[in-house]
Amino acid sequence: EMATAVSSSTVEKSYELPDGQVITIGNERFRTPESLFQPAFLGMESNGIHETTYNSIMKCDVDIRKDLYANSVLSGGTTMYPGIADRMQKEITALAPSTMKIKIIAPPERKYSVWIGGSILAS
């Protein structure tokens, strides 16, 4: 998709803003979410979200790693990019031991998951 985005002009999409103004966005639609996996696109020297997730799981007790790999939940507005759950699945699968079952959960209400969790905690 990135190769197509760089070389093609057919990826342009128009959006109407609340004030009625229409803007056209090109291959930025692909480059922006890709920076979550490759922060070097933004000039940052850090791990992508898949590597950070993997490193976090590997720092946990060996007895719970299987459960963490099988129950990774995406939450927050940034996870609303189309295909992000499949991409995380692919990237974590490549990093994790081959015998490990990987399941990335992307609930439809994940945009508000943080607020919902905070509301439950505050109740």
PDB file of N, CA and C in Angstrom:
ATOM      1  N   GLU A   1       0.824  -1.201   0.000  1.00  0.00           N
ATOM      2  CA  GLU A   1       0.000   0.000   0.000  1.00  0.00           C
ATOM      3  C   GLU A   1       0.865   1.261   0.000  1.00  0.00           C
ATOM      4  N   MET A   2       1.984   1.198   0.747  1.00  0.00           N
ATOM      5  CA  MET A   2       2.865   2.371   0.791  1.00  0.00           C
ATOM      6  C   MET A   2       3.455   2.647  -0.587  1.00  0.00           C
ATOM      7  N   ALA A   3       3.859   1.607  -1.317  1.00  0.00           N
ATOM      8  CA  ALA A   3       4.425   1.798  -2.647  1.00  0.00           C
ATOM      9  C   ALA A   3       3.391   2.426  -3.573  1.00  0.00           C
ATOM     10  N   THR A   4       2.170   1.961  -3.493  1.00  0.00           N
ATOM     11  CA  THR A   4       1.085   2.529  -4.288  1.00  0.00           C
ATOM     12  C   THR A   4       0.842   3.980  -3.903  1.00  0.00           C
ATOM     13  N   ALA A   5       0.859   4.251  -2.619  1.00  0.00           N
ATOM     14  CA  ALA A   5       0.590   5.602  -2.126  1.00  0.00           C
ATOM     15  C   ALA A   5       1.627   6.594  -2.613  1.00  0.00           C
ATOM     16  N   VAL A   6       2.876   6.165  -2.687  1.00  0.00           N
ATOM     17  CA  VAL A   6       3.950   7.062  -3.106  1.00  0.00           C
ATOM     18  C   VAL A   6       3.866   7.354  -4.596  1.00  0.00           C
ATOM     19  N   SER A   7       3.484   6.345  -5.392  1.00  0.00           N
ATOM     20  CA  SER A   7       3.552   6.487  -6.839  1.00  0.00           C
ATOM     21  C   SER A   7       2.234   6.826  -7.526  1.00  0.00           C
ATOM     22  N   SER A   8       1.138   6.747  -6.834  1.00  0.00           N
ATOM     23  CA  SER A   8      -0.159   6.903  -7.478  1.00  0.00           C
ATOM     24  C   SER A   8      -0.868   8.188  -7.057  1.00  0.00           C
ATOM     25  N   SER A   9      -1.561   8.783  -8.006  1.00  0.00           N
ATOM     26  CA  SER A   9      -2.373   9.956  -7.675  1.00  0.00           C
ATOM     27  C   SER A   9      -3.831   9.554  -7.454  1.00  0.00           C
ATOM     28  N   THR A  10      -4.150   8.282  -7.667  1.00  0.00           N
ATOM     29  CA  THR A  10      -5.528   7.822  -7.502  1.00  0.00           C
ATOM     30  C   THR A  10      -5.903   7.616  -6.045  1.00  0.00           C
ATOM     31  N   VAL A  11      -4.969   7.818  -5.148  1.00  0.00           N
ATOM     32  CA  VAL A  11      -5.260   7.627  -3.728  1.00  0.00           C
ATOM     33  C   VAL A  11      -5.858   8.881  -3.108  1.00  0.00           C
ATOM     34  N   GLU A  12      -6.001   9.927  -3.901  1.00  0.00           N
ATOM     35  CA  GLU A  12      -6.554  11.171  -3.367  1.00  0.00           C
ATOM     36  C   GLU A  12      -8.018  10.989  -2.989  1.00  0.00           C
ATOM     37  N   LYS A  13      -8.378  11.595  -1.872  1.00  0.00           N
ATOM     38  CA  LYS A  13      -9.755  11.508  -1.392  1.00  0.00           C
ATOM     39  C   LYS A  13     -10.154  12.882  -0.864  1.00  0.00           C
ATOM     40  N   SER A  14     -11.369  13.284  -1.182  1.00  0.00           N
ATOM     41  CA  SER A  14     -11.865  14.587  -0.735  1.00  0.00           C
ATOM     42  C   SER A  14     -12.742  14.429   0.496  1.00  0.00           C
ATOM     43  N   TYR A  15     -12.614  15.379   1.407  1.00  0.00           N
ATOM     44  CA  TYR A  15     -13.403  15.392   2.641  1.00  0.00           C
ATOM     45  C   TYR A  15     -14.034  16.764   2.803  1.00  0.00           C
ATOM     46  N   GLU A  16     -15.281  16.767   3.258  1.00  0.00           N
ATOM     47  CA  GLU A  16     -15.941  18.034   3.562  1.00  0.00           C
ATOM     48  C   GLU A  16     -15.852  18.273   5.063  1.00  0.00           C
ATOM     49  N   LEU A  17     -15.297  19.412   5.432  1.00  0.00           N
ATOM     50  CA  LEU A  17     -15.149  19.783   6.833  1.00  0.00           C
ATOM     51  C   LEU A  17     -16.468  20.343   7.364  1.00  0.00           C
ATOM     52  N   PRO A  18     -16.622  20.397   8.680  1.00  0.00           N
ATOM     53  CA  PRO A  18     -17.874  20.912   9.266  1.00  0.00           C
ATOM     54  C   PRO A  18     -18.253  22.313   8.792  1.00  0.00           C
ATOM     55  N   ASP A  19     -17.254  23.133   8.433  1.00  0.00           N
ATOM     56  CA  ASP A  19     -17.563  24.491   7.972  1.00  0.00           C
ATOM     57  C   ASP A  19     -17.895  24.549   6.481  1.00  0.00           C
ATOM     58  N   GLY A  20     -17.942  23.374   5.822  1.00  0.00           N
ATOM     59  CA  GLY A  20     -18.290  23.323   4.412  1.00  0.00           C
ATOM     60  C   GLY A  20     -17.097  23.311   3.475  1.00  0.00           C
ATOM     61  N   GLN A  21     -15.932  23.625   3.974  1.00  0.00           N
ATOM     62  CA  GLN A  21     -14.721  23.629   3.154  1.00  0.00           C
ATOM     63  C   GLN A  21     -14.384  22.191   2.753  1.00  0.00           C
ATOM     64  N   VAL A  22     -13.963  22.005   1.500  1.00  0.00           N
ATOM     65  CA  VAL A  22     -13.581  20.681   1.008  1.00  0.00           C
ATOM     66  C   VAL A  22     -12.066  20.634   0.870  1.00  0.00           C
ATOM     67  N   ILE A  23     -11.467  19.606   1.449  1.00  0.00           N
ATOM     68  CA  ILE A  23     -10.017  19.425   1.329  1.00  0.00           C
ATOM     69  C   ILE A  23      -9.752  18.083   0.649  1.00  0.00           C
ATOM     70  N   THR A  24      -8.640  18.011  -0.058  1.00  0.00           N
ATOM     71  CA  THR A  24      -8.236  16.773  -0.716  1.00  0.00           C
ATOM     72  C   THR A  24      -6.949  16.291  -0.076  1.00  0.00           C
ATOM     73  N   ILE A  25      -6.957  15.031   0.307  1.00  0.00           N
ATOM     74  CA  ILE A  25      -5.790  14.437   0.953  1.00  0.00           C
ATOM     75  C   ILE A  25      -5.279  13.323   0.057  1.00  0.00           C
ATOM     76  N   GLY A  26      -3.983  13.319  -0.159  1.00  0.00           N
ATOM     77  CA  GLY A  26      -3.365  12.312  -1.021  1.00  0.00           C
ATOM     78  C   GLY A  26      -2.752  11.178  -0.227  1.00  0.00           C
ATOM     79  N   ASN A  27      -1.491  10.881  -0.559  1.00  0.00           N
ATOM     80  CA  ASN A  27      -0.846   9.730   0.069  1.00  0.00           C
ATOM     81  C   ASN A  27      -0.539   9.934   1.550  1.00  0.00           C
ATOM     82  N   GLU A  28      -0.826  11.114   2.088  1.00  0.00           N
ATOM     83  CA  GLU A  28      -0.673  11.338   3.531  1.00  0.00           C
ATOM     84  C   GLU A  28      -1.567  10.380   4.319  1.00  0.00           C
ATOM     85  N   ARG A  29      -2.672   9.965   3.677  1.00  0.00           N
ATOM     86  CA  ARG A  29      -3.595   9.035   4.343  1.00  0.00           C
ATOM     87  C   ARG A  29      -2.901   7.729   4.711  1.00  0.00           C
ATOM     88  N   PHE A  30      -1.882   7.362   3.977  1.00  0.00           N
ATOM     89  CA  PHE A  30      -1.158   6.124   4.256  1.00  0.00           C
ATOM     90  C   PHE A  30       0.084   6.385   5.098  1.00  0.00           C
ATOM     91  N   ARG A  31       0.735   7.506   4.853  1.00  0.00           N
ATOM     92  CA  ARG A  31       1.978   7.807   5.577  1.00  0.00           C
ATOM     93  C   ARG A  31       1.721   8.080   7.046  1.00  0.00           C
ATOM     94  N   THR A  32       0.620   8.717   7.374  1.00  0.00           N
ATOM     95  CA  THR A  32       0.341   9.062   8.768  1.00  0.00           C
ATOM     96  C   THR A  32       0.201   7.825   9.649  1.00  0.00           C
ATOM     97  N   PRO A  33      -0.671   6.873   9.323  1.00  0.00           N
ATOM     98  CA  PRO A  33      -0.753   5.686  10.188  1.00  0.00           C
ATOM     99  C   PRO A  33       0.510   4.825  10.138  1.00  0.00           C
ATOM    100  N   GLU A  34       1.220   4.855   9.026  1.00  0.00           N
ATOM    101  CA  GLU A  34       2.447   4.061   8.917  1.00  0.00           C
ATOM    102  C   GLU A  34       3.500   4.523   9.917  1.00  0.00           C
ATOM    103  N   SER A  35       3.463   5.797  10.278  1.00  0.00           N
ATOM    104  CA  SER A  35       4.436   6.308  11.249  1.00  0.00           C
ATOM    105  C   SER A  35       4.249   5.679  12.630  1.00  0.00           C
ATOM    106  N   LEU A  36       3.085   5.101  12.907  1.00  0.00           N
ATOM    107  CA  LEU A  36       2.895   4.370  14.165  1.00  0.00           C
ATOM    108  C   LEU A  36       3.769   3.118  14.193  1.00  0.00           C
ATOM    109  N   PHE A  37       3.989   2.527  13.038  1.00  0.00           N
ATOM    110  CA  PHE A  37       4.803   1.323  12.939  1.00  0.00           C
ATOM    111  C   PHE A  37       6.256   1.643  12.589  1.00  0.00           C
ATOM    112  N   GLN A  38       6.475   2.769  11.927  1.00  0.00           N
ATOM    113  CA  GLN A  38       7.820   3.177  11.539  1.00  0.00           C
ATOM    114  C   GLN A  38       8.036   4.644  11.916  1.00  0.00           C
ATOM    115  N   PRO A  39       8.329   4.917  13.179  1.00  0.00           N
ATOM    116  CA  PRO A  39       8.516   6.299  13.628  1.00  0.00           C
ATOM    117  C   PRO A  39       9.642   7.036  12.900  1.00  0.00           C
ATOM    118  N   ALA A  40      10.516   6.310  12.243  1.00  0.00           N
ATOM    119  CA  ALA A  40      11.597   6.942  11.480  1.00  0.00           C
ATOM    120  C   ALA A  40      11.037   7.834  10.373  1.00  0.00           C
ATOM    121  N   PHE A  41       9.812   7.563   9.912  1.00  0.00           N
ATOM    122  CA  PHE A  41       9.170   8.430   8.922  1.00  0.00           C
ATOM    123  C   PHE A  41       9.065   9.859   9.431  1.00  0.00           C
ATOM    124  N   LEU A  42       8.980  10.004  10.744  1.00  0.00           N
ATOM    125  CA  LEU A  42       8.861  11.324  11.362  1.00  0.00           C
ATOM    126  C   LEU A  42      10.195  11.812  11.920  1.00  0.00           C
ATOM    127  N   GLY A  43      11.259  11.067  11.635  1.00  0.00           N
ATOM    128  CA  GLY A  43      12.573  11.438  12.144  1.00  0.00           C
ATOM    129  C   GLY A  43      12.791  11.047  13.594  1.00  0.00           C
ATOM    130  N   MET A  44      11.974  10.144  14.101  1.00  0.00           N
ATOM    131  CA  MET A  44      12.090   9.720  15.499  1.00  0.00           C
ATOM    132  C   MET A  44      12.861   8.406  15.588  1.00  0.00           C
ATOM    133  N   GLU A  45      13.718   8.318  16.584  1.00  0.00           N
ATOM    134  CA  GLU A  45      14.460   7.081  16.821  1.00  0.00           C
ATOM    135  C   GLU A  45      13.787   6.321  17.954  1.00  0.00           C
ATOM    136  N   SER A  46      12.714   5.643  17.637  1.00  0.00           N
ATOM    137  CA  SER A  46      12.003   4.853  18.642  1.00  0.00           C
ATOM    138  C   SER A  46      11.357   3.657  17.958  1.00  0.00           C
ATOM    139  N   ASN A  47      10.879   2.741  18.782  1.00  0.00           N
ATOM    140  CA  ASN A  47      10.219   1.546  18.262  1.00  0.00           C
ATOM    141  C   ASN A  47       8.801   1.869  17.816  1.00  0.00           C
ATOM    142  N   GLY A  48       8.303   1.070  16.881  1.00  0.00           N
ATOM    143  CA  GLY A  48       6.914   1.181  16.474  1.00  0.00           C
ATOM    144  C   GLY A  48       6.009   0.575  17.534  1.00  0.00           C
ATOM    145  N   ILE A  49       4.706   0.748  17.359  1.00  0.00           N
ATOM    146  CA  ILE A  49       3.784   0.237  18.376  1.00  0.00           C
ATOM    147  C   ILE A  49       3.829  -1.283  18.480  1.00  0.00           C
ATOM    148  N   HIS A  50       4.108  -1.966  17.392  1.00  0.00           N
ATOM    149  CA  HIS A  50       4.198  -3.424  17.440  1.00  0.00           C
ATOM    150  C   HIS A  50       5.410  -3.876  18.249  1.00  0.00           C
ATOM    151  N   GLU A  51       6.537  -3.201  18.064  1.00  0.00           N
ATOM    152  CA  GLU A  51       7.748  -3.550  18.818  1.00  0.00           C
ATOM    153  C   GLU A  51       7.604  -3.186  20.293  1.00  0.00           C
ATOM    154  N   THR A  52       6.973  -2.065  20.561  1.00  0.00           N
ATOM    155  CA  THR A  52       6.743  -1.655  21.950  1.00  0.00           C
ATOM    156  C   THR A  52       5.821  -2.652  22.649  1.00  0.00           C
ATOM    157  N   THR A  53       4.786  -3.092  21.948  1.00  0.00           N
ATOM    158  CA  THR A  53       3.873  -4.091  22.505  1.00  0.00           C
ATOM    159  C   THR A  53       4.617  -5.396  22.779  1.00  0.00           C
ATOM    160  N   TYR A  54       5.389  -5.839  21.814  1.00  0.00           N
ATOM    161  CA  TYR A  54       6.166  -7.071  21.968  1.00  0.00           C
ATOM    162  C   TYR A  54       7.138  -6.958  23.147  1.00  0.00           C
ATOM    163  N   ASN A  55       7.877  -5.856  23.219  1.00  0.00           N
ATOM    164  CA  ASN A  55       8.841  -5.663  24.311  1.00  0.00           C
ATOM    165  C   ASN A  55       8.147  -5.641  25.669  1.00  0.00           C
ATOM    166  N   SER A  56       6.976  -5.035  25.733  1.00  0.00           N
ATOM    167  CA  SER A  56       6.217  -4.992  26.994  1.00  0.00           C
ATOM    168  C   SER A  56       5.801  -6.397  27.424  1.00  0.00           C
ATOM    169  N   ILE A  57       5.318  -7.177  26.479  1.00  0.00           N
ATOM    170  CA  ILE A  57       4.911  -8.551  26.793  1.00  0.00           C
ATOM    171  C   ILE A  57       6.115  -9.368  27.257  1.00  0.00           C
ATOM    172  N   MET A  58       7.247  -9.192  26.595  1.00  0.00           N
ATOM    173  CA  MET A  58       8.438  -9.969  26.943  1.00  0.00           C
ATOM    174  C   MET A  58       8.995  -9.601  28.322  1.00  0.00           C
ATOM    175  N   LYS A  59       8.665  -8.425  28.822  1.00  0.00           N
ATOM    176  CA  LYS A  59       9.113  -8.020  30.158  1.00  0.00           C
ATOM    177  C   LYS A  59       8.214  -8.582  31.258  1.00  0.00           C
ATOM    178  N   CYS A  60       7.088  -9.151  30.872  1.00  0.00           N
ATOM    179  CA  CYS A  60       6.161  -9.728  31.847  1.00  0.00           C
ATOM    180  C   CYS A  60       6.584 -11.147  32.205  1.00  0.00           C
ATOM    181  N   ASP A  61       6.023 -11.636  33.290  1.00  0.00           N
ATOM    182  CA  ASP A  61       6.297 -12.996  33.739  1.00  0.00           C
ATOM    183  C   ASP A  61       5.974 -13.990  32.628  1.00  0.00           C
ATOM    184  N   VAL A  62       6.834 -14.963  32.452  1.00  0.00           N
ATOM    185  CA  VAL A  62       6.680 -15.939  31.375  1.00  0.00           C
ATOM    186  C   VAL A  62       5.341 -16.681  31.448  1.00  0.00           C
ATOM    187  N   ASP A  63       4.788 -16.816  32.638  1.00  0.00           N
ATOM    188  CA  ASP A  63       3.526 -17.541  32.808  1.00  0.00           C
ATOM    189  C   ASP A  63       2.308 -16.803  32.247  1.00  0.00           C
ATOM    190  N   ILE A  64       2.391 -15.493  32.068  1.00  0.00           N
ATOM    191  CA  ILE A  64       1.225 -14.753  31.561  1.00  0.00           C
ATOM    192  C   ILE A  64       1.392 -14.276  30.119  1.00  0.00           C
ATOM    193  N   ARG A  65       2.535 -14.508  29.535  1.00  0.00           N
ATOM    194  CA  ARG A  65       2.773 -14.035  28.163  1.00  0.00           C
ATOM    195  C   ARG A  65       1.766 -14.610  27.171  1.00  0.00           C
ATOM    196  N   LYS A  66       1.455 -15.883  27.316  1.00  0.00           N
ATOM    197  CA  LYS A  66       0.498 -16.525  26.405  1.00  0.00           C
ATOM    198  C   LYS A  66      -0.841 -15.786  26.438  1.00  0.00           C
ATOM    199  N   ASP A  67      -1.300 -15.437  27.635  1.00  0.00           N
ATOM    200  CA  ASP A  67      -2.572 -14.713  27.772  1.00  0.00           C
ATOM    201  C   ASP A  67      -2.488 -13.310  27.182  1.00  0.00           C
ATOM    202  N   LEU A  68      -1.357 -12.659  27.349  1.00  0.00           N
ATOM    203  CA  LEU A  68      -1.201 -11.307  26.805  1.00  0.00           C
ATOM    204  C   LEU A  68      -1.188 -11.322  25.277  1.00  0.00           C
ATOM    205  N   TYR A  69      -0.476 -12.287  24.698  1.00  0.00           N
ATOM    206  CA  TYR A  69      -0.474 -12.406  23.233  1.00  0.00           C
ATOM    207  C   TYR A  69      -1.877 -12.689  22.696  1.00  0.00           C
ATOM    208  N   ALA A  70      -2.657 -13.451  23.436  1.00  0.00           N
ATOM    209  CA  ALA A  70      -3.988 -13.857  22.972  1.00  0.00           C
ATOM    210  C   ALA A  70      -5.076 -12.843  23.297  1.00  0.00           C
ATOM    211  N   ASN A  71      -4.730 -11.767  24.013  1.00  0.00           N
ATOM    212  CA  ASN A  71      -5.744 -10.796  24.445  1.00  0.00           C
ATOM    213  C   ASN A  71      -5.233  -9.363  24.393  1.00  0.00           C
ATOM    214  N   SER A  72      -4.660  -8.970  23.281  1.00  0.00           N
ATOM    215  CA  SER A  72      -4.198  -7.592  23.118  1.00  0.00           C
ATOM    216  C   SER A  72      -5.353  -6.753  22.578  1.00  0.00           C
ATOM    217  N   VAL A  73      -5.735  -5.725  23.316  1.00  0.00           N
ATOM    218  CA  VAL A  73      -6.890  -4.903  22.960  1.00  0.00           C
ATOM    219  C   VAL A  73      -6.426  -3.523  22.498  1.00  0.00           C
ATOM    220  N   LEU A  74      -6.883  -3.119  21.331  1.00  0.00           N
ATOM    221  CA  LEU A  74      -6.597  -1.779  20.825  1.00  0.00           C
ATOM    222  C   LEU A  74      -7.632  -0.818  21.389  1.00  0.00           C
ATOM    223  N   SER A  75      -7.182   0.364  21.800  1.00  0.00           N
ATOM    224  CA  SER A  75      -8.124   1.366  22.306  1.00  0.00           C
ATOM    225  C   SER A  75      -7.614   2.756  21.977  1.00  0.00           C
ATOM    226  N   GLY A  76      -8.543   3.696  21.923  1.00  0.00           N
ATOM    227  CA  GLY A  76      -8.201   5.085  21.642  1.00  0.00           C
ATOM    228  C   GLY A  76      -8.445   5.447  20.185  1.00  0.00           C
ATOM    229  N   GLY A  77      -8.585   6.718  19.943  1.00  0.00           N
ATOM    230  CA  GLY A  77      -8.901   7.221  18.609  1.00  0.00           C
ATOM    231  C   GLY A  77      -7.872   6.895  17.549  1.00  0.00           C
ATOM    232  N   THR A  78      -6.605   6.800  17.927  1.00  0.00           N
ATOM    233  CA  THR A  78      -5.551   6.512  16.964  1.00  0.00           C
ATOM    234  C   THR A  78      -5.698   5.118  16.370  1.00  0.00           C
ATOM    235  N   THR A  79      -6.388   4.233  17.060  1.00  0.00           N
ATOM    236  CA  THR A  79      -6.558   2.865  16.556  1.00  0.00           C
ATOM    237  C   THR A  79      -7.713   2.742  15.566  1.00  0.00           C
ATOM    238  N   MET A  80      -8.324   3.849  15.198  1.00  0.00           N
ATOM    239  CA  MET A  80      -9.465   3.811  14.281  1.00  0.00           C
ATOM    240  C   MET A  80      -9.047   3.761  12.807  1.00  0.00           C
ATOM    241  N   TYR A  81      -7.751   3.809  12.524  1.00  0.00           N
ATOM    242  CA  TYR A  81      -7.302   3.700  11.136  1.00  0.00           C
ATOM    243  C   TYR A  81      -7.740   2.353  10.563  1.00  0.00           C
ATOM    244  N   PRO A  82      -8.269   2.341   9.345  1.00  0.00           N
ATOM    245  CA  PRO A  82      -8.686   1.070   8.734  1.00  0.00           C
ATOM    246  C   PRO A  82      -7.497   0.112   8.616  1.00  0.00           C
ATOM    247  N   GLY A  83      -7.718  -1.136   8.988  1.00  0.00           N
ATOM    248  CA  GLY A  83      -6.693  -2.159   8.839  1.00  0.00           C
ATOM    249  C   GLY A  83      -5.648  -2.228   9.934  1.00  0.00           C
ATOM    250  N   ILE A  84      -5.746  -1.376  10.957  1.00  0.00           N
ATOM    251  CA  ILE A  84      -4.697  -1.356  11.980  1.00  0.00           C
ATOM    252  C   ILE A  84      -4.658  -2.654  12.787  1.00  0.00           C
ATOM    253  N   ALA A  85      -5.804  -3.274  13.032  1.00  0.00           N
ATOM    254  CA  ALA A  85      -5.821  -4.533  13.791  1.00  0.00           C
ATOM    255  C   ALA A  85      -5.126  -5.643  13.003  1.00  0.00           C
ATOM    256  N   ASP A  86      -5.398  -5.719  11.715  1.00  0.00           N
ATOM    257  CA  ASP A  86      -4.746  -6.727  10.876  1.00  0.00           C
ATOM    258  C   ASP A  86      -3.242  -6.492  10.806  1.00  0.00           C
ATOM    259  N   ARG A  87      -2.856  -5.239  10.707  1.00  0.00           N
ATOM    260  CA  ARG A  87      -1.426  -4.907  10.651  1.00  0.00           C
ATOM    261  C   ARG A  87      -0.734  -5.277  11.956  1.00  0.00           C
ATOM    262  N   MET A  88      -1.366  -4.951  13.093  1.00  0.00           N
ATOM    263  CA  MET A  88      -0.787  -5.326  14.391  1.00  0.00           C
ATOM    264  C   MET A  88      -0.666  -6.841  14.494  1.00  0.00           C
ATOM    265  N   GLN A  89      -1.686  -7.543  14.069  1.00  0.00           N
ATOM    266  CA  GLN A  89      -1.676  -9.009  14.086  1.00  0.00           C
ATOM    267  C   GLN A  89      -0.471  -9.531  13.303  1.00  0.00           C
ATOM    268  N   LYS A  90      -0.290  -9.006  12.108  1.00  0.00           N
ATOM    269  CA  LYS A  90       0.806  -9.435  11.236  1.00  0.00           C
ATOM    270  C   LYS A  90       2.164  -9.140  11.868  1.00  0.00           C
ATOM    271  N   GLU A  91       2.327  -7.930  12.391  1.00  0.00           N
ATOM    272  CA  GLU A  91       3.621  -7.518  12.938  1.00  0.00           C
ATOM    273  C   GLU A  91       3.963  -8.259  14.229  1.00  0.00           C
ATOM    274  N   ILE A  92       2.990  -8.422  15.115  1.00  0.00           N
ATOM    275  CA  ILE A  92       3.235  -9.146  16.372  1.00  0.00           C
ATOM    276  C   ILE A  92       3.511 -10.618  16.074  1.00  0.00           C
ATOM    277  N   THR A  93       2.792 -11.189  15.123  1.00  0.00           N
ATOM    278  CA  THR A  93       3.012 -12.585  14.736  1.00  0.00           C
ATOM    279  C   THR A  93       4.441 -12.790  14.241  1.00  0.00           C
ATOM    280  N   ALA A  94       4.963 -11.821  13.512  1.00  0.00           N
ATOM    281  CA  ALA A  94       6.334 -11.920  13.005  1.00  0.00           C
ATOM    282  C   ALA A  94       7.369 -11.863  14.131  1.00  0.00           C
ATOM    283  N   LEU A  95       7.057 -11.160  15.216  1.00  0.00           N
ATOM    284  CA  LEU A  95       8.001 -11.007  16.325  1.00  0.00           C
ATOM    285  C   LEU A  95       7.894 -12.121  17.364  1.00  0.00           C
ATOM    286  N   ALA A  96       6.700 -12.603  17.596  1.00  0.00           N
ATOM    287  CA  ALA A  96       6.441 -13.567  18.674  1.00  0.00           C
ATOM    288  C   ALA A  96       6.917 -14.969  18.286  1.00  0.00           C
ATOM    289  N   PRO A  97       7.083 -15.832  19.292  1.00  0.00           N
ATOM    290  CA  PRO A  97       7.419 -17.229  18.986  1.00  0.00           C
ATOM    291  C   PRO A  97       6.353 -17.841  18.068  1.00  0.00           C
ATOM    292  N   SER A  98       6.791 -18.683  17.148  1.00  0.00           N
ATOM    293  CA  SER A  98       5.876 -19.220  16.128  1.00  0.00           C
ATOM    294  C   SER A  98       4.747 -20.071  16.706  1.00  0.00           C
ATOM    295  N   THR A  99       4.933 -20.608  17.896  1.00  0.00           N
ATOM    296  CA  THR A  99       3.894 -21.441  18.510  1.00  0.00           C
ATOM    297  C   THR A  99       2.833 -20.626  19.246  1.00  0.00           C
ATOM    298  N   MET A 100       3.056 -19.337  19.361  1.00  0.00           N
ATOM    299  CA  MET A 100       2.171 -18.474  20.140  1.00  0.00           C
ATOM    300  C   MET A 100       0.936 -18.079  19.333  1.00  0.00           C
ATOM    301  N   LYS A 101      -0.234 -18.161  19.957  1.00  0.00           N
ATOM    302  CA  LYS A 101      -1.480 -17.708  19.335  1.00  0.00           C
ATOM    303  C   LYS A 101      -1.596 -16.204  19.590  1.00  0.00           C
ATOM    304  N   ILE A 102      -1.712 -15.443  18.528  1.00  0.00           N
ATOM    305  CA  ILE A 102      -1.816 -13.988  18.632  1.00  0.00           C
ATOM    306  C   ILE A 102      -3.242 -13.583  18.291  1.00  0.00           C
ATOM    307  N   LYS A 103      -3.838 -12.763  19.142  1.00  0.00           N
ATOM    308  CA  LYS A 103      -5.185 -12.251  18.859  1.00  0.00           C
ATOM    309  C   LYS A 103      -5.218 -10.774  19.234  1.00  0.00           C
ATOM    310  N   ILE A 104      -5.474  -9.954  18.245  1.00  0.00           N
ATOM    311  CA  ILE A 104      -5.606  -8.516  18.448  1.00  0.00           C
ATOM    312  C   ILE A 104      -7.096  -8.200  18.429  1.00  0.00           C
ATOM    313  N   ILE A 105      -7.571  -7.618  19.500  1.00  0.00           N
ATOM    314  CA  ILE A 105      -8.990  -7.294  19.639  1.00  0.00           C
ATOM    315  C   ILE A 105      -9.173  -5.799  19.380  1.00  0.00           C
ATOM    316  N   ALA A 106     -10.059  -5.481  18.449  1.00  0.00           N
ATOM    317  CA  ALA A 106     -10.329  -4.086  18.103  1.00  0.00           C
ATOM    318  C   ALA A 106     -11.829  -3.836  18.230  1.00  0.00           C
ATOM    319  N   PRO A 107     -12.309  -3.572  19.456  1.00  0.00           N
ATOM    320  CA  PRO A 107     -13.747  -3.364  19.636  1.00  0.00           C
ATOM    321  C   PRO A 107     -14.237  -2.139  18.857  1.00  0.00           C
ATOM    322  N   PRO A 108     -15.462  -2.184  18.345  1.00  0.00           N
ATOM    323  CA  PRO A 108     -15.968  -1.058  17.557  1.00  0.00           C
ATOM    324  C   PRO A 108     -16.025   0.248  18.349  1.00  0.00           C
ATOM    325  N   GLU A 109     -16.200   0.168  19.668  1.00  0.00           N
ATOM    326  CA  GLU A 109     -16.278   1.382  20.495  1.00  0.00           C
ATOM    327  C   GLU A 109     -14.908   1.800  21.030  1.00  0.00           C
ATOM    328  N   ARG A 110     -13.829   1.274  20.429  1.00  0.00           N
ATOM    329  CA  ARG A 110     -12.486   1.530  20.962  1.00  0.00           C
ATOM    330  C   ARG A 110     -12.091   3.002  20.964  1.00  0.00           C
ATOM    331  N   LYS A 111     -12.743   3.780  20.143  1.00  0.00           N
ATOM    332  CA  LYS A 111     -12.471   5.216  20.126  1.00  0.00           C
ATOM    333  C   LYS A 111     -12.737   5.834  21.498  1.00  0.00           C
ATOM    334  N   TYR A 112     -13.702   5.258  22.210  1.00  0.00           N
ATOM    335  CA  TYR A 112     -14.091   5.788  23.514  1.00  0.00           C
ATOM    336  C   TYR A 112     -13.709   4.868  24.674  1.00  0.00           C
ATOM    337  N   SER A 113     -12.947   3.814  24.412  1.00  0.00           N
ATOM    338  CA  SER A 113     -12.619   2.827  25.445  1.00  0.00           C
ATOM    339  C   SER A 113     -11.959   3.444  26.668  1.00  0.00           C
ATOM    340  N   VAL A 114     -11.074   4.390  26.449  1.00  0.00           N
ATOM    341  CA  VAL A 114     -10.378   5.018  27.574  1.00  0.00           C
ATOM    342  C   VAL A 114     -11.373   5.774  28.447  1.00  0.00           C
ATOM    343  N   TRP A 115     -12.280   6.497  27.814  1.00  0.00           N
ATOM    344  CA  TRP A 115     -13.286   7.249  28.572  1.00  0.00           C
ATOM    345  C   TRP A 115     -14.254   6.312  29.292  1.00  0.00           C
ATOM    346  N   ILE A 116     -14.641   5.247  28.616  1.00  0.00           N
ATOM    347  CA  ILE A 116     -15.550   4.275  29.233  1.00  0.00           C
ATOM    348  C   ILE A 116     -14.886   3.637  30.446  1.00  0.00           C
ATOM    349  N   GLY A 117     -13.630   3.243  30.302  1.00  0.00           N
ATOM    350  CA  GLY A 117     -12.896   2.653  31.422  1.00  0.00           C
ATOM    351  C   GLY A 117     -12.756   3.609  32.584  1.00  0.00           C
ATOM    352  N   GLY A 118     -12.456   4.864  32.287  1.00  0.00           N
ATOM    353  CA  GLY A 118     -12.356   5.880  33.339  1.00  0.00           C
ATOM    354  C   GLY A 118     -13.679   6.097  34.041  1.00  0.00           C
ATOM    355  N   SER A 119     -14.763   6.062  33.281  1.00  0.00           N
ATOM    356  CA  SER A 119     -16.094   6.234  33.854  1.00  0.00           C
ATOM    357  C   SER A 119     -16.438   5.087  34.800  1.00  0.00           C
ATOM    358  N   ILE A 120     -16.107   3.879  34.385  1.00  0.00           N
ATOM    359  CA  ILE A 120     -16.366   2.709  35.230  1.00  0.00           C
ATOM    360  C   ILE A 120     -15.533   2.788  36.507  1.00  0.00           C
ATOM    361  N   LEU A 121     -14.284   3.156  36.367  1.00  0.00           N
ATOM    362  CA  LEU A 121     -13.393   3.260  37.525  1.00  0.00           C
ATOM    363  C   LEU A 121     -13.869   4.336  38.500  1.00  0.00           C
ATOM    364  N   ALA A 122     -14.380   5.440  37.964  1.00  0.00           N
ATOM    365  CA  ALA A 122     -14.825   6.551  38.808  1.00  0.00           C
ATOM    366  C   ALA A 122     -16.161   6.266  39.499  1.00  0.00           C
ATOM    367  N   SER A 123     -16.917   5.307  38.985  1.00  0.00           N
ATOM    368  CA  SER A 123     -18.242   5.004  39.555  1.00  0.00           C
ATOM    369  C   SER A 123     -18.159   4.339  40.909  1.00  0.00           C
TER     370      SER A 123
END
